[in-house]
Amino acid sequence: MRITGGVLKGRQIKCPKGVIRPAMDRMRESVFAILGGLDGKSFLDLFSGSGTIAIEAASRGAERVELCEKDKIKIPVILENVAVVEHELGFIVKCHFMPVEYFIKRCKDSFDYIFFDPPFPYKFHAELIKNAAENGICKSGGTIIVHRPEEKSMPDKIGELIRTDMRTYGRSVVDFYSLII
C-alpha cells in the first residue's frame, strides 16, 4: 500500500497479516479530495487496520491524528507504519488498541473528522455512529465518514447527524455525515 497524497505521497506502508480489507487508493484519494484541506484539523481513524487512513490524514496536514484498532495481531505493523509519520513529520499519531465501542464510551476528546471502517460483516454501523455523536467525540460542524458494503443500507439521518454525501467505489460505499446543531 502507498500514501496517496500530502507530504508522504508515494511512501509505501505495510499491511498487517490476518483479515484486513485495506481502503483502495482511488477511494482514499477521493475521500480526502472531498474533505479538502486538513490543516489545523483533528482526525480519528476507527477500525484502523493498518493505520493507512490516519497516516493519510497526517500526510495531508491534520494537526492531531489518533487511531483505534482492537486486533492485537495488527499492533506491530501499525506502530511501524505510524513511526514513518513521526520520523518524517516529527508528528505523533496517538494509537489506542482496544475495541472501538469501548473507545467511544471513554473518549474525552472531540474531532473534526472521524473515519469509521468496520469489517464488512459488522452489523451496528448506525448505532455506533450515533453513540459517537452523542458522546461528543464529533465536533459541532464535524464530519463522520463511514466505509461500508453497498448491501448495508444507512439512513439519511442518525440522531443529530445528517448524511451530506454518498459515494460508491465498486462494492464499497462511503457516507459522509455532518453534525449540525
Protein backbone atom coordinates (compact mmCIF):
# COMPACT_ATOMS: atom_id res chain seq x y z
CA MET A 1 0.00 0.00 0.00
CA ARG A 2 1.07 3.56 -0.57
CA ILE A 3 0.14 7.00 0.72
CA THR A 4 -1.81 8.82 -1.99
CA GLY A 5 -1.35 12.47 -1.05
CA GLY A 6 0.34 15.11 1.04
CA VAL A 7 3.97 15.30 2.09
CA LEU A 8 4.28 11.50 2.37
CA LYS A 9 2.73 10.86 -1.06
CA GLY A 10 4.08 7.69 -2.66
CA ARG A 11 5.52 6.35 0.60
CA GLN A 12 4.95 2.61 0.98
CA ILE A 13 3.43 1.28 4.18
CA LYS A 14 2.97 -2.28 5.38
CA CYS A 15 -0.22 -4.28 5.54
CA PRO A 16 -0.68 -6.48 8.64
CA LYS A 17 -1.29 -10.22 8.45
CA GLY A 18 -4.72 -11.62 9.08
CA VAL A 19 -8.10 -10.43 7.92
CA ILE A 20 -7.82 -6.93 6.51
CA ARG A 21 -9.57 -5.02 3.78
CA PRO A 22 -7.34 -2.04 3.02
CA ALA A 23 -9.05 1.04 1.64
CA MET A 24 -8.46 1.29 -2.11
CA ASP A 25 -6.12 4.03 -3.30
CA ARG A 26 -8.85 5.53 -5.50
CA MET A 27 -11.32 5.61 -2.62
CA ARG A 28 -8.80 7.21 -0.23
CA GLU A 29 -7.82 9.85 -2.79
CA SER A 30 -11.48 10.67 -3.42
CA VAL A 31 -12.42 10.86 0.28
CA PHE A 32 -9.56 13.22 1.06
CA ALA A 33 -10.33 15.33 -2.02
CA ILE A 34 -13.92 15.68 -0.78
CA LEU A 35 -12.72 16.68 2.70
CA GLY A 36 -10.34 19.29 1.30
CA GLY A 37 -7.52 20.78 3.35
CA LEU A 38 -6.91 19.27 6.77
CA ASP A 39 -4.56 21.95 8.07
CA GLY A 40 -5.31 22.61 11.72
CA LYS A 41 -7.96 19.87 11.86
CA SER A 42 -8.21 16.80 14.08
CA PHE A 43 -8.78 13.32 12.64
CA LEU A 44 -9.79 9.99 14.21
CA ASP A 45 -9.43 6.67 12.34
CA LEU A 46 -11.61 3.93 13.86
CA PHE A 47 -11.20 0.24 12.95
CA SER A 48 -7.82 1.37 11.69
CA GLY A 49 -6.42 -1.91 10.32
CA SER A 50 -3.00 -0.83 9.07
CA GLY A 51 -3.25 2.85 10.04
CA THR A 52 -3.35 3.95 6.40
CA ILE A 53 -6.21 6.43 6.78
CA ALA A 54 -4.62 8.02 9.87
CA ILE A 55 -1.30 8.31 8.05
CA GLU A 56 -3.05 9.87 5.01
CA ALA A 57 -4.63 12.46 7.34
CA ALA A 58 -1.26 13.30 8.91
CA SER A 59 0.38 13.46 5.48
CA ARG A 60 -2.31 15.87 4.32
CA GLY A 61 -1.82 18.33 7.20
CA ALA A 62 -4.12 17.25 10.04
CA GLU A 63 -2.88 18.80 13.28
CA ARG A 64 -3.94 15.96 15.60
CA VAL A 65 -4.42 12.36 14.47
CA GLU A 66 -5.49 9.35 16.51
CA LEU A 67 -6.44 5.81 15.59
CA CYS A 68 -8.13 2.85 17.25
CA GLU A 69 -7.78 -0.86 16.42
CA LYS A 70 -8.58 -3.86 18.63
CA ASP A 71 -6.80 -6.64 16.70
CA LYS A 72 -3.59 -7.29 18.63
CA ILE A 73 -2.00 -9.02 15.61
CA LYS A 74 -2.03 -5.66 13.79
CA ILE A 75 -0.31 -3.66 16.55
CA PRO A 76 3.34 -4.15 15.47
CA VAL A 77 2.60 -3.18 11.85
CA ILE A 78 0.50 -0.16 12.88
CA LEU A 79 3.30 1.04 15.17
CA GLU A 80 5.86 0.54 12.41
CA ASN A 81 3.66 2.42 9.93
CA VAL A 82 2.96 5.39 12.21
CA ALA A 83 6.68 5.57 13.09
CA VAL A 84 7.16 6.77 9.49
CA VAL A 85 4.97 9.78 10.31
CA GLU A 86 6.95 10.54 13.47
CA HIS A 87 10.27 10.18 11.66
CA GLU A 88 9.31 12.17 8.55
CA LEU A 89 6.99 14.79 10.06
CA GLY A 90 8.04 14.92 13.72
CA PHE A 91 4.37 14.23 14.44
CA ILE A 92 2.95 11.52 16.71
CA VAL A 93 -0.15 9.60 15.70
CA LYS A 94 -1.74 8.57 19.00
CA CYS A 95 -2.72 4.88 18.94
CA HIS A 96 -5.43 3.21 21.01
CA PHE A 97 -5.55 -0.58 20.98
CA MET A 98 -9.00 -1.58 22.22
CA PRO A 99 -12.49 -2.24 20.86
CA VAL A 100 -13.87 0.85 19.11
CA GLU A 101 -17.11 0.59 21.08
CA TYR A 102 -15.15 0.89 24.34
CA PHE A 103 -13.00 3.73 22.99
CA ILE A 104 -16.09 5.74 22.03
CA LYS A 105 -17.56 5.34 25.53
CA ARG A 106 -14.43 6.59 27.29
CA CYS A 107 -13.02 9.14 24.82
CA LYS A 108 -12.97 12.68 26.25
CA ASP A 109 -11.65 14.39 23.11
CA SER A 110 -13.56 15.60 20.07
CA PHE A 111 -12.53 15.54 16.42
CA ASP A 112 -13.27 17.45 13.24
CA TYR A 113 -13.25 14.22 11.18
CA ILE A 114 -13.96 10.65 12.22
CA PHE A 115 -13.45 7.79 9.76
CA PHE A 116 -15.29 4.53 10.53
CA ASP A 117 -14.14 1.47 8.58
CA PRO A 118 -15.57 -1.55 10.41
CA PRO A 119 -15.27 -5.07 8.99
CA PHE A 120 -17.93 -5.52 6.31
CA PRO A 121 -19.89 -8.12 8.37
CA TYR A 122 -20.22 -5.59 11.24
CA LYS A 123 -23.91 -5.00 11.99
CA PHE A 124 -24.01 -1.92 14.22
CA HIS A 125 -22.89 0.93 11.94
CA ALA A 126 -25.74 3.36 12.72
CA GLU A 127 -25.76 2.64 16.46
CA LEU A 128 -22.02 3.15 16.77
CA ILE A 129 -22.10 6.38 14.78
CA LYS A 130 -24.98 7.68 16.88
CA ASN A 131 -23.04 6.84 20.07
CA ALA A 132 -20.00 8.70 18.76
CA ALA A 133 -22.08 11.83 18.10
CA GLU A 134 -23.95 11.61 21.41
CA ASN A 135 -20.72 11.10 23.38
CA GLY A 136 -19.33 14.32 21.89
CA ILE A 137 -16.34 12.90 20.00
CA CYS A 138 -17.52 14.61 16.80
CA LYS A 139 -17.18 18.38 16.98
CA SER A 140 -20.16 20.54 16.09
CA GLY A 141 -19.86 21.06 12.34
CA GLY A 142 -17.64 17.96 12.17
CA THR A 143 -17.92 15.10 9.72
CA ILE A 144 -18.21 11.36 10.25
CA ILE A 145 -17.17 9.25 7.27
CA VAL A 146 -18.38 5.65 7.05
CA HIS A 147 -16.98 2.97 4.73
CA ARG A 148 -19.46 0.12 4.23
CA PRO A 149 -20.52 -2.58 1.75
CA GLU A 150 -23.17 -1.46 -0.73
CA GLU A 151 -25.64 -4.10 0.53
CA LYS A 152 -25.60 -2.49 4.01
CA SER A 153 -28.01 0.44 3.85
CA MET A 154 -27.65 3.52 6.04
CA PRO A 155 -30.30 6.10 6.99
CA ASP A 156 -30.12 9.73 5.86
CA LYS A 157 -30.32 10.90 9.48
CA ILE A 158 -28.76 9.33 12.58
CA GLY A 159 -29.61 11.28 15.73
CA GLU A 160 -28.22 14.78 15.14
CA LEU A 161 -26.18 13.63 12.13
CA ILE A 162 -27.35 14.27 8.57
CA ARG A 163 -25.94 12.46 5.53
CA THR A 164 -24.48 15.15 3.28
CA ASP A 165 -22.85 12.97 0.62
CA MET A 166 -22.56 9.35 -0.50
CA ARG A 167 -20.02 7.90 -2.97
CA THR A 168 -19.78 4.41 -4.46
CA TYR A 169 -16.49 2.65 -5.27
CA GLY A 170 -17.15 -0.82 -6.69
CA ARG A 171 -18.86 -2.81 -3.89
CA SER A 172 -17.97 -0.15 -1.32
CA VAL A 173 -19.91 2.93 -0.31
CA VAL A 174 -18.63 5.91 1.66
CA ASP A 175 -21.18 8.01 3.53
CA PHE A 176 -20.47 11.50 4.88
CA TYR A 177 -22.48 12.62 7.91
CA SER A 178 -22.30 16.12 9.40
CA LEU A 179 -23.15 17.06 12.95
CA ILE A 180 -25.34 20.10 12.68
CA ILE A 181 -26.51 21.54 15.99
